[in-house]
Amino acid sequence: MDVREQVVAAMRGVGFDAGELADDRRLPECLDIDSTELVEIVVALEQHFGIGIDAEAEGGFTVFGDLVECVGRLLSAGSTVRG
């Protein structure tokens, strides 16, 4: 399973349908994700992958693909970045 598929699996665990998780889908407008839900998603990704994500240091997340890119970068770097 590649990183994108694993991110989709983690997000399905917090209530999203895999079909709605296209890389260009805007988080607030298309997926109706508010700041509280984004925190829940980040925590789910951290737990799923065993990484730490500092959303502010990452510059925030605008589209679903931003989440996938961030997770992939942190995994390839072998880092646990926390704010």
Protein backbone atom coordinates (compact mmCIF):
# COMPACT_ATOMS: atom_id res chain seq x y z
CA MET A 1 0.00 0.00 0.00
CA ASP A 2 1.46 3.38 -0.97
CA VAL A 3 1.39 6.51 1.20
CA ARG A 4 -1.70 7.95 -0.49
CA GLU A 5 -3.66 4.74 0.06
CA GLN A 6 -2.60 4.70 3.71
CA VAL A 7 -3.65 8.34 4.17
CA VAL A 8 -7.02 7.48 2.62
CA ALA A 9 -7.32 4.50 4.99
CA ALA A 10 -6.57 6.71 8.01
CA MET A 11 -9.12 9.29 6.88
CA ARG A 12 -11.74 6.60 6.32
CA GLY A 13 -11.19 5.80 9.99
CA VAL A 14 -12.41 9.29 10.90
CA GLY A 15 -15.45 9.13 8.65
CA PHE A 16 -14.45 10.06 5.11
CA ASP A 17 -15.37 8.12 1.99
CA ALA A 18 -12.42 7.12 -0.19
CA GLY A 19 -14.24 8.37 -3.30
CA GLU A 20 -14.26 11.96 -2.06
CA LEU A 21 -10.51 12.10 -1.35
CA ALA A 22 -9.02 13.33 -4.62
CA ASP A 23 -5.69 15.14 -4.33
CA ASP A 24 -7.11 18.44 -5.59
CA ARG A 25 -10.14 18.47 -3.27
CA ARG A 26 -10.05 21.59 -1.11
CA LEU A 27 -10.39 20.68 2.54
CA PRO A 28 -12.78 23.37 3.77
CA GLU A 29 -14.86 23.89 0.62
CA CYS A 30 -15.08 20.43 -0.94
CA LEU A 31 -14.72 18.19 2.09
CA ASP A 32 -16.37 20.50 4.64
CA ILE A 33 -13.42 20.20 7.05
CA ASP A 34 -13.19 22.86 9.74
CA SER A 35 -10.19 23.53 11.99
CA THR A 36 -11.40 21.11 14.68
CA GLU A 37 -11.81 18.30 12.17
CA LEU A 38 -8.40 19.07 10.71
CA VAL A 39 -6.86 18.56 14.15
CA GLU A 40 -8.68 15.22 14.39
CA ILE A 41 -7.33 14.22 10.96
CA VAL A 42 -3.76 15.23 11.85
CA VAL A 43 -3.93 13.21 15.09
CA ALA A 44 -5.27 10.19 13.18
CA LEU A 45 -2.43 10.48 10.65
CA GLU A 46 0.15 10.84 13.43
CA GLN A 47 -1.15 7.71 15.14
CA HIS A 48 -1.48 5.73 11.91
CA PHE A 49 2.04 6.51 10.68
CA GLY A 50 3.88 7.05 13.98
CA ILE A 51 4.94 10.56 12.97
CA GLY A 52 4.45 14.05 14.36
CA ILE A 53 2.93 16.72 12.14
CA ASP A 54 3.19 20.42 12.92
CA ALA A 55 0.48 21.84 10.66
CA GLU A 56 1.60 25.43 11.23
CA ALA A 57 5.22 24.64 10.35
CA GLU A 58 3.97 22.83 7.25
CA GLY A 59 2.19 26.01 6.17
CA GLY A 60 -1.26 24.55 6.67
CA PHE A 61 -3.16 22.21 4.43
CA THR A 62 -5.36 23.50 1.62
CA VAL A 63 -6.09 20.39 -0.44
CA PHE A 64 -6.10 16.67 0.32
CA GLY A 65 -2.89 16.25 -1.69
CA ASP A 66 -1.11 18.54 0.82
CA LEU A 67 -1.76 15.96 3.54
CA VAL A 68 -0.45 13.13 1.38
CA GLU A 69 2.66 15.13 0.43
CA CYS A 70 3.38 16.05 4.04
CA VAL A 71 3.07 12.47 5.28
CA GLY A 72 5.22 11.17 2.42
CA ARG A 73 7.92 13.75 3.10
CA LEU A 74 7.98 13.02 6.84
CA LEU A 75 8.11 9.27 6.27
CA SER A 76 10.94 9.50 3.73
CA ALA A 77 12.87 11.80 6.08
CA GLY A 78 12.29 9.39 8.95
CA SER A 79 11.41 12.36 11.12
CA THR A 80 9.00 12.98 13.93
CA VAL A 81 8.51 16.73 13.72
CA ARG A 82 6.37 18.24 16.45
CA GLY A 83 5.61 21.86 17.20
